[in-house]
Amino acid sequence: MQLYLEGLGFRSIGRFLGVSHVSVQKWIKKFGRELEDLKSEKEISIVEMDEMHTYIGNKKNIAGYGLLLIELGKNSSTALLAAEEQKLDN
């Protein structure tokens, strides 16, 4: 799933993992169906995102990682999960 979220296509992921691109497509579709169970009828009034920073060696080398999981209503077409990794070189 991470490779797909990073923008790789089914065929690229299949080559990387050594499986059929059809298998990759089935995995992605299955994951999408499973996400449907996470949707909620509740109305969201506040959304907060936070990030974590880690110092590597010293404070000049910072690496950050953020993961956003959004609870959405049943009729929403917005993506449920977004992952982002950011590495900063100072």
PDB file of N, CA and C in Angstrom:
ATOM      1  N   MET A   1       0.824  -1.184   0.000  1.00  0.00           N
ATOM      2  CA  MET A   1       0.000   0.000   0.000  1.00  0.00           C
ATOM      3  C   MET A   1       0.876   1.259   0.000  1.00  0.00           C
ATOM      4  N   GLN A   2       1.973   1.215   0.734  1.00  0.00           N
ATOM      5  CA  GLN A   2       2.840   2.393   0.803  1.00  0.00           C
ATOM      6  C   GLN A   2       3.389   2.754  -0.573  1.00  0.00           C
ATOM      7  N   LEU A   3       3.759   1.760  -1.354  1.00  0.00           N
ATOM      8  CA  LEU A   3       4.266   2.033  -2.700  1.00  0.00           C
ATOM      9  C   LEU A   3       3.194   2.692  -3.556  1.00  0.00           C
ATOM     10  N   TYR A   4       1.960   2.253  -3.408  1.00  0.00           N
ATOM     11  CA  TYR A   4       0.847   2.838  -4.160  1.00  0.00           C
ATOM     12  C   TYR A   4       0.618   4.287  -3.731  1.00  0.00           C
ATOM     13  N   LEU A   5       0.663   4.539  -2.431  1.00  0.00           N
ATOM     14  CA  LEU A   5       0.485   5.899  -1.924  1.00  0.00           C
ATOM     15  C   LEU A   5       1.632   6.812  -2.350  1.00  0.00           C
ATOM     16  N   GLU A   6       2.798   6.232  -2.594  1.00  0.00           N
ATOM     17  CA  GLU A   6       3.947   7.013  -3.067  1.00  0.00           C
ATOM     18  C   GLU A   6       3.856   7.324  -4.553  1.00  0.00           C
ATOM     19  N   GLY A   7       2.854   6.754  -5.238  1.00  0.00           N
ATOM     20  CA  GLY A   7       2.638   7.088  -6.640  1.00  0.00           C
ATOM     21  C   GLY A   7       3.063   6.036  -7.647  1.00  0.00           C
ATOM     22  N   LEU A   8       3.528   4.881  -7.194  1.00  0.00           N
ATOM     23  CA  LEU A   8       3.909   3.833  -8.124  1.00  0.00           C
ATOM     24  C   LEU A   8       2.667   3.173  -8.708  1.00  0.00           C
ATOM     25  N   GLY A   9       2.757   2.734  -9.944  1.00  0.00           N
ATOM     26  CA  GLY A   9       1.659   2.049 -10.614  1.00  0.00           C
ATOM     27  C   GLY A   9       1.622   0.575 -10.250  1.00  0.00           C
ATOM     28  N   PHE A  10       0.532  -0.086 -10.642  1.00  0.00           N
ATOM     29  CA  PHE A  10       0.363  -1.507 -10.337  1.00  0.00           C
ATOM     30  C   PHE A  10       1.499  -2.347 -10.925  1.00  0.00           C
ATOM     31  N   ARG A  11       1.876  -2.060 -12.162  1.00  0.00           N
ATOM     32  CA  ARG A  11       2.937  -2.841 -12.814  1.00  0.00           C
ATOM     33  C   ARG A  11       4.289  -2.617 -12.134  1.00  0.00           C
ATOM     34  N   SER A  12       4.587  -1.386 -11.765  1.00  0.00           N
ATOM     35  CA  SER A  12       5.853  -1.093 -11.077  1.00  0.00           C
ATOM     36  C   SER A  12       5.913  -1.798  -9.730  1.00  0.00           C
ATOM     37  N   ILE A  13       4.830  -1.748  -8.999  1.00  0.00           N
ATOM     38  CA  ILE A  13       4.780  -2.414  -7.692  1.00  0.00           C
ATOM     39  C   ILE A  13       4.935  -3.917  -7.874  1.00  0.00           C
ATOM     40  N   GLY A  14       4.253  -4.469  -8.879  1.00  0.00           N
ATOM     41  CA  GLY A  14       4.354  -5.901  -9.156  1.00  0.00           C
ATOM     42  C   GLY A  14       5.780  -6.324  -9.472  1.00  0.00           C
ATOM     43  N   ARG A  15       6.478  -5.548 -10.304  1.00  0.00           N
ATOM     44  CA  ARG A  15       7.876  -5.853 -10.621  1.00  0.00           C
ATOM     45  C   ARG A  15       8.742  -5.780  -9.367  1.00  0.00           C
ATOM     46  N   PHE A  16       8.518  -4.758  -8.553  1.00  0.00           N
ATOM     47  CA  PHE A  16       9.305  -4.568  -7.336  1.00  0.00           C
ATOM     48  C   PHE A  16       9.109  -5.728  -6.356  1.00  0.00           C
ATOM     49  N   LEU A  17       7.858  -6.183  -6.197  1.00  0.00           N
ATOM     50  CA  LEU A  17       7.543  -7.247  -5.240  1.00  0.00           C
ATOM     51  C   LEU A  17       7.640  -8.646  -5.843  1.00  0.00           C
ATOM     52  N   GLY A  18       7.772  -8.718  -7.171  1.00  0.00           N
ATOM     53  CA  GLY A  18       7.860 -10.019  -7.819  1.00  0.00           C
ATOM     54  C   GLY A  18       6.527 -10.735  -7.919  1.00  0.00           C
ATOM     55  N   VAL A  19       5.446  -9.963  -8.083  1.00  0.00           N
ATOM     56  CA  VAL A  19       4.103 -10.539  -8.211  1.00  0.00           C
ATOM     57  C   VAL A  19       3.420  -9.933  -9.433  1.00  0.00           C
ATOM     58  N   SER A  20       2.285 -10.489  -9.789  1.00  0.00           N
ATOM     59  CA  SER A  20       1.505 -10.001 -10.919  1.00  0.00           C
ATOM     60  C   SER A  20       0.911  -8.628 -10.618  1.00  0.00           C
ATOM     61  N   HIS A  21       0.834  -7.774 -11.653  1.00  0.00           N
ATOM     62  CA  HIS A  21       0.192  -6.468 -11.465  1.00  0.00           C
ATOM     63  C   HIS A  21      -1.292  -6.632 -11.139  1.00  0.00           C
ATOM     64  N   VAL A  22      -1.882  -7.739 -11.573  1.00  0.00           N
ATOM     65  CA  VAL A  22      -3.288  -8.017 -11.252  1.00  0.00           C
ATOM     66  C   VAL A  22      -3.433  -8.277  -9.751  1.00  0.00           C
ATOM     67  N   SER A  23      -2.466  -8.982  -9.162  1.00  0.00           N
ATOM     68  CA  SER A  23      -2.492  -9.216  -7.709  1.00  0.00           C
ATOM     69  C   SER A  23      -2.418  -7.902  -6.950  1.00  0.00           C
ATOM     70  N   VAL A  24      -1.542  -7.023  -7.399  1.00  0.00           N
ATOM     71  CA  VAL A  24      -1.404  -5.711  -6.752  1.00  0.00           C
ATOM     72  C   VAL A  24      -2.720  -4.952  -6.839  1.00  0.00           C
ATOM     73  N   GLN A  25      -3.344  -4.953  -8.011  1.00  0.00           N
ATOM     74  CA  GLN A  25      -4.621  -4.264  -8.193  1.00  0.00           C
ATOM     75  C   GLN A  25      -5.681  -4.834  -7.258  1.00  0.00           C
ATOM     76  N   LYS A  26      -5.720  -6.137  -7.096  1.00  0.00           N
ATOM     77  CA  LYS A  26      -6.692  -6.770  -6.187  1.00  0.00           C
ATOM     78  C   LYS A  26      -6.434  -6.362  -4.739  1.00  0.00           C
ATOM     79  N   TRP A  27      -5.150  -6.278  -4.349  1.00  0.00           N
ATOM     80  CA  TRP A  27      -4.822  -5.853  -2.984  1.00  0.00           C
ATOM     81  C   TRP A  27      -5.310  -4.432  -2.722  1.00  0.00           C
ATOM     82  N   ILE A  28      -5.085  -3.548  -3.686  1.00  0.00           N
ATOM     83  CA  ILE A  28      -5.490  -2.147  -3.522  1.00  0.00           C
ATOM     84  C   ILE A  28      -7.009  -2.043  -3.437  1.00  0.00           C
ATOM     85  N   LYS A  29      -7.711  -2.766  -4.292  1.00  0.00           N
ATOM     86  CA  LYS A  29      -9.180  -2.751  -4.255  1.00  0.00           C
ATOM     87  C   LYS A  29      -9.700  -3.302  -2.936  1.00  0.00           C
ATOM     88  N   LYS A  30      -9.087  -4.389  -2.446  1.00  0.00           N
ATOM     89  CA  LYS A  30      -9.502  -4.981  -1.171  1.00  0.00           C
ATOM     90  C   LYS A  30      -9.298  -3.982  -0.033  1.00  0.00           C
ATOM     91  N   PHE A  31      -8.159  -3.305  -0.037  1.00  0.00           N
ATOM     92  CA  PHE A  31      -7.885  -2.307   0.990  1.00  0.00           C
ATOM     93  C   PHE A  31      -8.926  -1.192   0.934  1.00  0.00           C
ATOM     94  N   GLY A  32      -9.286  -0.756  -0.269  1.00  0.00           N
ATOM     95  CA  GLY A  32     -10.312   0.279  -0.432  1.00  0.00           C
ATOM     96  C   GLY A  32     -11.657  -0.151   0.121  1.00  0.00           C
ATOM     97  N   ARG A  33     -12.027  -1.412  -0.117  1.00  0.00           N
ATOM     98  CA  ARG A  33     -13.302  -1.917   0.432  1.00  0.00           C
ATOM     99  C   ARG A  33     -13.253  -1.954   1.956  1.00  0.00           C
ATOM    100  N   GLU A  34     -12.099  -2.338   2.511  1.00  0.00           N
ATOM    101  CA  GLU A  34     -11.959  -2.383   3.970  1.00  0.00           C
ATOM    102  C   GLU A  34     -12.038  -0.987   4.578  1.00  0.00           C
ATOM    103  N   LEU A  35     -11.578   0.035   3.849  1.00  0.00           N
ATOM    104  CA  LEU A  35     -11.664   1.406   4.348  1.00  0.00           C
ATOM    105  C   LEU A  35     -13.105   1.879   4.453  1.00  0.00           C
ATOM    106  N   GLU A  36     -13.985   1.328   3.628  1.00  0.00           N
ATOM    107  CA  GLU A  36     -15.400   1.698   3.693  1.00  0.00           C
ATOM    108  C   GLU A  36     -15.956   1.457   5.094  1.00  0.00           C
ATOM    109  N   ASP A  37     -15.469   0.413   5.769  1.00  0.00           N
ATOM    110  CA  ASP A  37     -15.936   0.101   7.123  1.00  0.00           C
ATOM    111  C   ASP A  37     -15.526   1.164   8.138  1.00  0.00           C
ATOM    112  N   LEU A  38     -14.506   1.954   7.814  1.00  0.00           N
ATOM    113  CA  LEU A  38     -14.038   2.991   8.739  1.00  0.00           C
ATOM    114  C   LEU A  38     -14.862   4.269   8.670  1.00  0.00           C
ATOM    115  N   LYS A  39     -15.644   4.413   7.616  1.00  0.00           N
ATOM    116  CA  LYS A  39     -16.433   5.638   7.460  1.00  0.00           C
ATOM    117  C   LYS A  39     -17.505   5.720   8.540  1.00  0.00           C
ATOM    118  N   SER A  40     -17.838   6.936   8.904  1.00  0.00           N
ATOM    119  CA  SER A  40     -18.762   7.186   9.997  1.00  0.00           C
ATOM    120  C   SER A  40     -19.830   8.181   9.568  1.00  0.00           C
ATOM    121  N   GLU A  41     -20.976   8.097  10.194  1.00  0.00           N
ATOM    122  CA  GLU A  41     -22.061   9.047   9.941  1.00  0.00           C
ATOM    123  C   GLU A  41     -21.902  10.316  10.782  1.00  0.00           C
ATOM    124  N   LYS A  42     -20.953  10.328  11.720  1.00  0.00           N
ATOM    125  CA  LYS A  42     -20.754  11.476  12.603  1.00  0.00           C
ATOM    126  C   LYS A  42     -20.277  12.695  11.826  1.00  0.00           C
ATOM    127  N   GLU A  43     -20.645  13.875  12.300  1.00  0.00           N
ATOM    128  CA  GLU A  43     -20.167  15.122  11.711  1.00  0.00           C
ATOM    129  C   GLU A  43     -18.872  15.525  12.399  1.00  0.00           C
ATOM    130  N   ILE A  44     -17.897  15.894  11.617  1.00  0.00           N
ATOM    131  CA  ILE A  44     -16.597  16.283  12.165  1.00  0.00           C
ATOM    132  C   ILE A  44     -16.546  17.794  12.290  1.00  0.00           C
ATOM    133  N   SER A  45     -16.221  18.279  13.480  1.00  0.00           N
ATOM    134  CA  SER A  45     -16.161  19.721  13.681  1.00  0.00           C
ATOM    135  C   SER A  45     -14.722  20.224  13.799  1.00  0.00           C
ATOM    136  N   ILE A  46     -13.810  19.357  14.252  1.00  0.00           N
ATOM    137  CA  ILE A  46     -12.421  19.770  14.428  1.00  0.00           C
ATOM    138  C   ILE A  46     -11.504  18.684  13.871  1.00  0.00           C
ATOM    139  N   VAL A  47     -10.540  19.089  13.069  1.00  0.00           N
ATOM    140  CA  VAL A  47      -9.520  18.178  12.559  1.00  0.00           C
ATOM    141  C   VAL A  47      -8.175  18.754  12.943  1.00  0.00           C
ATOM    142  N   GLU A  48      -7.312  17.931  13.492  1.00  0.00           N
ATOM    143  CA  GLU A  48      -5.996  18.393  13.915  1.00  0.00           C
ATOM    144  C   GLU A  48      -4.938  17.460  13.356  1.00  0.00           C
ATOM    145  N   MET A  49      -3.891  18.029  12.802  1.00  0.00           N
ATOM    146  CA  MET A  49      -2.778  17.225  12.308  1.00  0.00           C
ATOM    147  C   MET A  49      -1.520  17.667  13.017  1.00  0.00           C
ATOM    148  N   ASP A  50      -0.711  16.708  13.365  1.00  0.00           N
ATOM    149  CA  ASP A  50       0.536  16.996  14.052  1.00  0.00           C
ATOM    150  C   ASP A  50       1.645  16.221  13.360  1.00  0.00           C
ATOM    151  N   GLU A  51       2.854  16.622  13.560  1.00  0.00           N
ATOM    152  CA  GLU A  51       3.979  15.917  12.973  1.00  0.00           C
ATOM    153  C   GLU A  51       5.011  15.638  14.048  1.00  0.00           C
ATOM    154  N   MET A  52       5.876  14.683  13.775  1.00  0.00           N
ATOM    155  CA  MET A  52       6.940  14.342  14.701  1.00  0.00           C
ATOM    156  C   MET A  52       8.266  14.661  14.027  1.00  0.00           C
ATOM    157  N   HIS A  53       9.203  15.161  14.804  1.00  0.00           N
ATOM    158  CA  HIS A  53      10.548  15.420  14.292  1.00  0.00           C
ATOM    159  C   HIS A  53      11.540  14.621  15.113  1.00  0.00           C
ATOM    160  N   THR A  54      12.538  14.108  14.455  1.00  0.00           N
ATOM    161  CA  THR A  54      13.594  13.356  15.113  1.00  0.00           C
ATOM    162  C   THR A  54      14.926  13.977  14.725  1.00  0.00           C
ATOM    163  N   TYR A  55      15.776  14.127  15.680  1.00  0.00           N
ATOM    164  CA  TYR A  55      17.114  14.632  15.398  1.00  0.00           C
ATOM    165  C   TYR A  55      18.025  13.446  15.111  1.00  0.00           C
ATOM    166  N   ILE A  56      18.789  13.533  14.025  1.00  0.00           N
ATOM    167  CA  ILE A  56      19.697  12.457  13.643  1.00  0.00           C
ATOM    168  C   ILE A  56      21.119  12.946  13.870  1.00  0.00           C
ATOM    169  N   GLY A  57      21.749  12.401  14.881  1.00  0.00           N
ATOM    170  CA  GLY A  57      23.124  12.805  15.188  1.00  0.00           C
ATOM    171  C   GLY A  57      23.184  14.100  15.963  1.00  0.00           C
ATOM    172  N   ASN A  58      22.664  15.179  15.399  1.00  0.00           N
ATOM    173  CA  ASN A  58      22.621  16.459  16.095  1.00  0.00           C
ATOM    174  C   ASN A  58      21.435  17.257  15.571  1.00  0.00           C
ATOM    175  N   LYS A  59      21.227  18.430  16.114  1.00  0.00           N
ATOM    176  CA  LYS A  59      20.046  19.216  15.758  1.00  0.00           C
ATOM    177  C   LYS A  59      20.091  19.777  14.343  1.00  0.00           C
ATOM    178  N   LYS A  60      21.214  19.666  13.659  1.00  0.00           N
ATOM    179  CA  LYS A  60      21.296  20.146  12.282  1.00  0.00           C
ATOM    180  C   LYS A  60      20.655  19.169  11.297  1.00  0.00           C
ATOM    181  N   ASN A  61      20.568  17.906  11.679  1.00  0.00           N
ATOM    182  CA  ASN A  61      19.985  16.879  10.813  1.00  0.00           C
ATOM    183  C   ASN A  61      18.614  16.485  11.355  1.00  0.00           C
ATOM    184  N   ILE A  62      17.574  16.977  10.725  1.00  0.00           N
ATOM    185  CA  ILE A  62      16.209  16.735  11.194  1.00  0.00           C
ATOM    186  C   ILE A  62      15.483  15.866  10.175  1.00  0.00           C
ATOM    187  N   ALA A  63      14.770  14.870  10.672  1.00  0.00           N
ATOM    188  CA  ALA A  63      13.899  14.067   9.808  1.00  0.00           C
ATOM    189  C   ALA A  63      12.499  14.148  10.389  1.00  0.00           C
ATOM    190  N   GLY A  64      11.498  14.282   9.533  1.00  0.00           N
ATOM    191  CA  GLY A  64      10.120  14.364  10.004  1.00  0.00           C
ATOM    192  C   GLY A  64       9.243  13.365   9.292  1.00  0.00           C
ATOM    193  N   TYR A  65       8.169  12.962   9.933  1.00  0.00           N
ATOM    194  CA  TYR A  65       7.228  12.028   9.341  1.00  0.00           C
ATOM    195  C   TYR A  65       5.836  12.401   9.828  1.00  0.00           C
ATOM    196  N   GLY A  66       4.880  12.398   8.932  1.00  0.00           N
ATOM    197  CA  GLY A  66       3.504  12.701   9.312  1.00  0.00           C
ATOM    198  C   GLY A  66       2.548  11.697   8.710  1.00  0.00           C
ATOM    199  N   LEU A  67       1.512  11.357   9.411  1.00  0.00           N
ATOM    200  CA  LEU A  67       0.479  10.453   8.920  1.00  0.00           C
ATOM    201  C   LEU A  67      -0.865  11.051   9.275  1.00  0.00           C
ATOM    202  N   LEU A  68      -1.724  11.194   8.286  1.00  0.00           N
ATOM    203  CA  LEU A  68      -3.031  11.794   8.495  1.00  0.00           C
ATOM    204  C   LEU A  68      -4.101  10.759   8.209  1.00  0.00           C
ATOM    205  N   LEU A  69      -4.930  10.462   9.194  1.00  0.00           N
ATOM    206  CA  LEU A  69      -6.067   9.566   9.014  1.00  0.00           C
ATOM    207  C   LEU A  69      -7.317  10.387   9.266  1.00  0.00           C
ATOM    208  N   ILE A  70      -8.190  10.464   8.280  1.00  0.00           N
ATOM    209  CA  ILE A  70      -9.375  11.307   8.369  1.00  0.00           C
ATOM    210  C   ILE A  70     -10.612  10.432   8.461  1.00  0.00           C
ATOM    211  N   GLU A  71     -11.457  10.713   9.434  1.00  0.00           N
ATOM    212  CA  GLU A  71     -12.733  10.023   9.537  1.00  0.00           C
ATOM    213  C   GLU A  71     -13.736  10.791   8.683  1.00  0.00           C
ATOM    214  N   LEU A  72     -14.349  10.108   7.724  1.00  0.00           N
ATOM    215  CA  LEU A  72     -15.230  10.765   6.772  1.00  0.00           C
ATOM    216  C   LEU A  72     -16.622  10.160   6.801  1.00  0.00           C
ATOM    217  N   GLY A  73     -17.579  10.918   6.324  1.00  0.00           N
ATOM    218  CA  GLY A  73     -18.946  10.433   6.223  1.00  0.00           C
ATOM    219  C   GLY A  73     -19.094   9.392   5.131  1.00  0.00           C
ATOM    220  N   LYS A  74     -20.197   8.662   5.138  1.00  0.00           N
ATOM    221  CA  LYS A  74     -20.432   7.571   4.189  1.00  0.00           C
ATOM    222  C   LYS A  74     -20.445   8.030   2.735  1.00  0.00           C
ATOM    223  N   ASN A  75     -20.904   9.236   2.445  1.00  0.00           N
ATOM    224  CA  ASN A  75     -21.038   9.685   1.064  1.00  0.00           C
ATOM    225  C   ASN A  75     -19.852  10.504   0.573  1.00  0.00           C
ATOM    226  N   SER A  76     -18.786  10.539   1.326  1.00  0.00           N
ATOM    227  CA  SER A  76     -17.626  11.335   0.941  1.00  0.00           C
ATOM    228  C   SER A  76     -16.785  10.594  -0.092  1.00  0.00           C
ATOM    229  N   SER A  77     -16.205  11.348  -1.020  1.00  0.00           N
ATOM    230  CA  SER A  77     -15.319  10.742  -2.010  1.00  0.00           C
ATOM    231  C   SER A  77     -13.863  11.132  -1.762  1.00  0.00           C
ATOM    232  N   THR A  78     -13.604  11.815  -0.667  1.00  0.00           N
ATOM    233  CA  THR A  78     -12.250  12.249  -0.344  1.00  0.00           C
ATOM    234  C   THR A  78     -11.432  11.067   0.161  1.00  0.00           C
ATOM    235  N   ALA A  79     -10.146  11.079  -0.097  1.00  0.00           N
ATOM    236  CA  ALA A  79      -9.270   9.995   0.340  1.00  0.00           C
ATOM    237  C   ALA A  79      -9.281   9.888   1.856  1.00  0.00           C
ATOM    238  N   LEU A  80      -9.241   8.663   2.345  1.00  0.00           N
ATOM    239  CA  LEU A  80      -9.266   8.427   3.777  1.00  0.00           C
ATOM    240  C   LEU A  80      -7.889   8.494   4.421  1.00  0.00           C
ATOM    241  N   LEU A  81      -6.876   8.141   3.676  1.00  0.00           N
ATOM    242  CA  LEU A  81      -5.565   8.002   4.279  1.00  0.00           C
ATOM    243  C   LEU A  81      -4.522   8.709   3.435  1.00  0.00           C
ATOM    244  N   ALA A  82      -3.692   9.497   4.072  1.00  0.00           N
ATOM    245  CA  ALA A  82      -2.600  10.159   3.356  1.00  0.00           C
ATOM    246  C   ALA A  82      -1.350  10.049   4.205  1.00  0.00           C
ATOM    247  N   ALA A  83      -0.287   9.606   3.618  1.00  0.00           N
ATOM    248  CA  ALA A  83       0.981   9.492   4.343  1.00  0.00           C
ATOM    249  C   ALA A  83       2.016  10.354   3.648  1.00  0.00           C
ATOM    250  N   GLU A  84       2.839  10.989   4.440  1.00  0.00           N
ATOM    251  CA  GLU A  84       3.888  11.832   3.863  1.00  0.00           C
ATOM    252  C   GLU A  84       5.140  11.700   4.694  1.00  0.00           C
ATOM    253  N   GLU A  85       6.250  11.578   4.019  1.00  0.00           N
ATOM    254  CA  GLU A  85       7.543  11.538   4.696  1.00  0.00           C
ATOM    255  C   GLU A  85       8.381  12.682   4.161  1.00  0.00           C
ATOM    256  N   GLN A  86       8.973  13.419   5.056  1.00  0.00           N
ATOM    257  CA  GLN A  86       9.780  14.563   4.650  1.00  0.00           C
ATOM    258  C   GLN A  86      11.105  14.500   5.374  1.00  0.00           C
ATOM    259  N   LYS A  87      12.187  14.592   4.626  1.00  0.00           N
ATOM    260  CA  LYS A  87      13.520  14.629   5.221  1.00  0.00           C
ATOM    261  C   LYS A  87      14.155  15.950   4.848  1.00  0.00           C
ATOM    262  N   LEU A  88      14.640  16.651   5.834  1.00  0.00           N
ATOM    263  CA  LEU A  88      15.241  17.959   5.611  1.00  0.00           C
ATOM    264  C   LEU A  88      16.742  17.872   5.814  1.00  0.00           C
ATOM    265  N   ASP A  89      17.496  18.390   4.888  1.00  0.00           N
ATOM    266  CA  ASP A  89      18.947  18.470   5.030  1.00  0.00           C
ATOM    267  C   ASP A  89      19.322  19.916   5.292  1.00  0.00           C
ATOM    268  N   ASN A  90      19.891  20.182   6.433  1.00  0.00           N
ATOM    269  CA  ASN A  90      20.297  21.548   6.772  1.00  0.00           C
ATOM    270  C   ASN A  90      21.774  21.711   6.609  1.00  0.00           C
TER     271      ASN A  90
END
